[in-house]
Amino acid sequence: MVRTIARIFWIIPVVLTGLSVNQGMVATQLRSTWNDGISAIAKVEDFDTTNRADVTYGYIHLRVILPDGKTIEHKRMSLPQSLWFRVKGQDSLKVYVQPGAPQEVVIDQLMPAHWLIAASQMGISLIGALLSAVLAFFWNRSFSNEDS
C-alpha cells in the first residue's frame, strides 16, 4: 500500500510543473500584449467586488475603443484585492490591447505587479515541483533498495 502511494506521489511534481508552465505562459502573454499591443484608453463601465472570507476579488468592466473605431468589451475582468484598489474609482484607464491574444487587454498601471505575481507563482511552483520530485525519487528508490 505504501509503495502504491509513493508511486502516486509522482502526480504532485507533474501537476506543479504544469502550473509552473501555465503561469510562465501567462507572464509571457502579459508582457507580449504590453510590449506589442495597441495603446488605448478604456472606459471603466462598472466595478464589482466579492468579499468572501476565503478570497476577495474585484471585477472591472472595461470598454475599449481602438484607434480604428472598433470596440472591445471585457466584462467581469477579475483583479485580486492587492491590485483592484489601485484602479477603483477611476473613470478611464490606459490599456494595451492585442485583439485575439490570450491576454487581450492589459491595464498599464497594473502590468508590472500583475506580471510579477504570475512570474512569482511560476517560480514557486517550479521550486515545489523540483522539491517534490526529489522527495518522490528518493521515496520510490527506498523501495527498490528493500527489494535487493
Protein backbone atom coordinates (compact mmCIF):
# COMPACT_ATOMS: atom_id res chain seq x y z
CA MET A 1 0.00 0.00 0.00
CA VAL A 2 2.78 2.46 0.91
CA ARG A 3 4.60 1.59 -2.31
CA THR A 4 1.47 2.45 -4.31
CA ILE A 5 1.13 5.78 -2.53
CA ALA A 6 4.80 6.52 -3.25
CA ARG A 7 4.19 5.89 -6.95
CA ILE A 8 1.04 8.03 -6.95
CA PHE A 9 3.04 10.79 -5.24
CA TRP A 10 4.66 11.48 -8.64
CA ILE A 11 1.41 13.27 -9.56
CA ILE A 12 2.39 16.20 -7.32
CA PRO A 13 5.56 17.24 -9.20
CA VAL A 14 3.78 16.71 -12.53
CA VAL A 15 0.87 18.98 -11.51
CA LEU A 16 3.22 21.61 -10.08
CA THR A 17 5.27 21.56 -13.28
CA GLY A 18 2.08 22.09 -15.29
CA LEU A 19 1.10 25.00 -13.04
CA SER A 20 4.57 26.49 -13.45
CA VAL A 21 4.34 26.25 -17.25
CA ASN A 22 0.86 27.83 -17.16
CA GLN A 23 1.99 30.77 -15.04
CA GLY A 24 5.07 31.23 -17.22
CA MET A 25 2.81 31.42 -20.27
CA VAL A 26 0.56 33.97 -18.53
CA ALA A 27 3.59 36.14 -17.66
CA THR A 28 4.85 35.88 -21.25
CA GLN A 29 1.43 36.71 -22.70
CA LEU A 30 1.04 39.72 -20.41
CA ARG A 31 4.42 41.07 -21.46
CA SER A 32 3.66 40.40 -25.13
CA THR A 33 0.41 42.39 -25.00
CA TRP A 34 2.09 45.18 -23.05
CA ASN A 35 5.02 45.43 -25.48
CA ASP A 36 3.27 44.72 -28.80
CA GLY A 37 -0.30 45.81 -28.12
CA ILE A 38 -2.10 48.94 -29.25
CA SER A 39 -2.18 51.74 -26.69
CA ALA A 40 -5.73 52.84 -25.93
CA ILE A 41 -7.91 54.36 -23.25
CA ALA A 42 -10.53 52.10 -21.67
CA LYS A 43 -13.70 53.48 -20.16
CA VAL A 44 -14.48 51.87 -16.81
CA GLU A 45 -18.12 50.84 -17.06
CA ASP A 46 -18.52 49.17 -13.68
CA PHE A 47 -16.75 47.83 -10.60
CA ASP A 48 -17.92 44.87 -8.57
CA THR A 49 -16.28 43.30 -5.55
CA THR A 50 -16.71 39.90 -3.97
CA ASN A 51 -15.87 39.86 -0.28
CA ARG A 52 -15.76 36.25 0.81
CA ALA A 53 -13.78 35.15 3.82
CA ASP A 54 -11.53 32.87 1.76
CA VAL A 55 -10.99 35.11 -1.27
CA THR A 56 -11.64 38.74 -2.12
CA TYR A 57 -11.73 39.76 -5.76
CA GLY A 58 -12.67 42.86 -7.63
CA TYR A 59 -14.23 42.73 -11.06
CA ILE A 60 -13.96 45.52 -13.57
CA HIS A 61 -15.96 46.01 -16.74
CA LEU A 62 -13.94 47.79 -19.43
CA ARG A 63 -15.00 49.21 -22.78
CA VAL A 64 -12.00 49.89 -25.03
CA ILE A 65 -12.39 51.92 -28.19
CA LEU A 66 -9.45 51.22 -30.50
CA PRO A 67 -7.98 53.88 -32.80
CA ASP A 68 -9.73 52.24 -35.80
CA GLY A 69 -13.12 52.67 -34.09
CA LYS A 70 -13.52 49.01 -33.13
CA THR A 71 -14.84 48.40 -29.60
CA ILE A 72 -13.69 45.61 -27.28
CA GLU A 73 -15.58 44.89 -24.06
CA HIS A 74 -14.27 42.95 -21.11
CA LYS A 75 -16.99 42.12 -18.60
CA ARG A 76 -16.03 40.88 -15.15
CA MET A 77 -12.27 41.10 -15.71
CA SER A 78 -11.08 39.83 -12.34
CA LEU A 79 -8.41 41.54 -10.31
CA PRO A 80 -7.06 40.33 -6.96
CA GLN A 81 -7.65 42.56 -3.97
CA SER A 82 -3.99 43.55 -3.94
CA LEU A 83 -4.45 45.17 -7.38
CA TRP A 84 -8.03 46.34 -7.79
CA PHE A 85 -7.80 49.08 -5.18
CA ARG A 86 -5.21 50.79 -7.43
CA VAL A 87 -7.80 51.38 -10.15
CA LYS A 88 -11.03 51.55 -8.15
CA GLY A 89 -12.89 54.81 -8.64
CA GLN A 90 -11.21 55.78 -11.91
CA ASP A 91 -13.35 56.60 -14.94
CA SER A 92 -10.77 55.62 -17.55
CA LEU A 93 -7.54 53.65 -17.69
CA LYS A 94 -4.64 53.44 -20.11
CA VAL A 95 -4.54 49.91 -21.54
CA TYR A 96 -2.70 47.93 -24.16
CA VAL A 97 -4.81 45.77 -26.46
CA GLN A 98 -3.80 42.90 -28.69
CA PRO A 99 -7.04 41.62 -30.27
CA GLY A 100 -7.26 37.83 -30.29
CA ALA A 101 -4.31 37.33 -27.92
CA PRO A 102 -4.76 35.15 -24.82
CA GLN A 103 -4.22 38.26 -22.66
CA GLU A 104 -6.15 40.62 -24.90
CA VAL A 105 -6.26 43.66 -22.57
CA VAL A 106 -3.56 44.69 -20.11
CA ILE A 107 -4.07 47.64 -17.75
CA ASP A 108 -0.92 49.75 -17.96
CA GLN A 109 -0.56 50.74 -14.31
CA LEU A 110 -1.22 47.17 -13.10
CA MET A 111 1.04 45.38 -15.57
CA PRO A 112 4.30 45.37 -13.55
CA ALA A 113 2.56 43.98 -10.45
CA HIS A 114 0.40 41.57 -12.47
CA TRP A 115 3.46 40.25 -14.31
CA LEU A 116 5.41 39.90 -11.05
CA ILE A 117 2.58 37.88 -9.47
CA ALA A 118 2.48 35.46 -12.43
CA ALA A 119 6.28 35.14 -12.56
CA SER A 120 6.47 34.58 -8.78
CA GLN A 121 3.81 31.90 -8.92
CA MET A 122 5.75 30.25 -11.74
CA GLY A 123 8.93 30.24 -9.66
CA ILE A 124 7.25 28.97 -6.51
CA SER A 125 5.51 26.18 -8.45
CA LEU A 126 8.79 25.21 -10.10
CA ILE A 127 10.59 25.04 -6.75
CA GLY A 128 7.74 22.94 -5.34
CA ALA A 129 7.89 20.65 -8.38
CA LEU A 130 11.64 20.15 -8.00
CA LEU A 131 11.46 19.50 -4.25
CA SER A 132 8.54 17.09 -4.56
CA ALA A 133 10.26 15.30 -7.48
CA VAL A 134 13.39 14.80 -5.35
CA LEU A 135 11.22 13.52 -2.50
CA ALA A 136 9.30 11.17 -4.81
CA PHE A 137 12.53 9.89 -6.36
CA PHE A 138 14.17 9.02 -3.04
CA TRP A 139 10.95 7.65 -1.55
CA ASN A 140 10.44 5.31 -4.52
CA ARG A 141 14.13 4.45 -4.57
CA SER A 142 13.95 3.34 -0.94
CA PHE A 143 11.57 0.58 -2.02
CA SER A 144 13.93 -0.70 -4.69
CA ASN A 145 16.71 -0.87 -2.06
CA GLU A 146 14.45 -3.01 0.14
CA ASP A 147 13.98 -5.49 -2.75
CA SER A 148 17.75 -6.06 -3.04
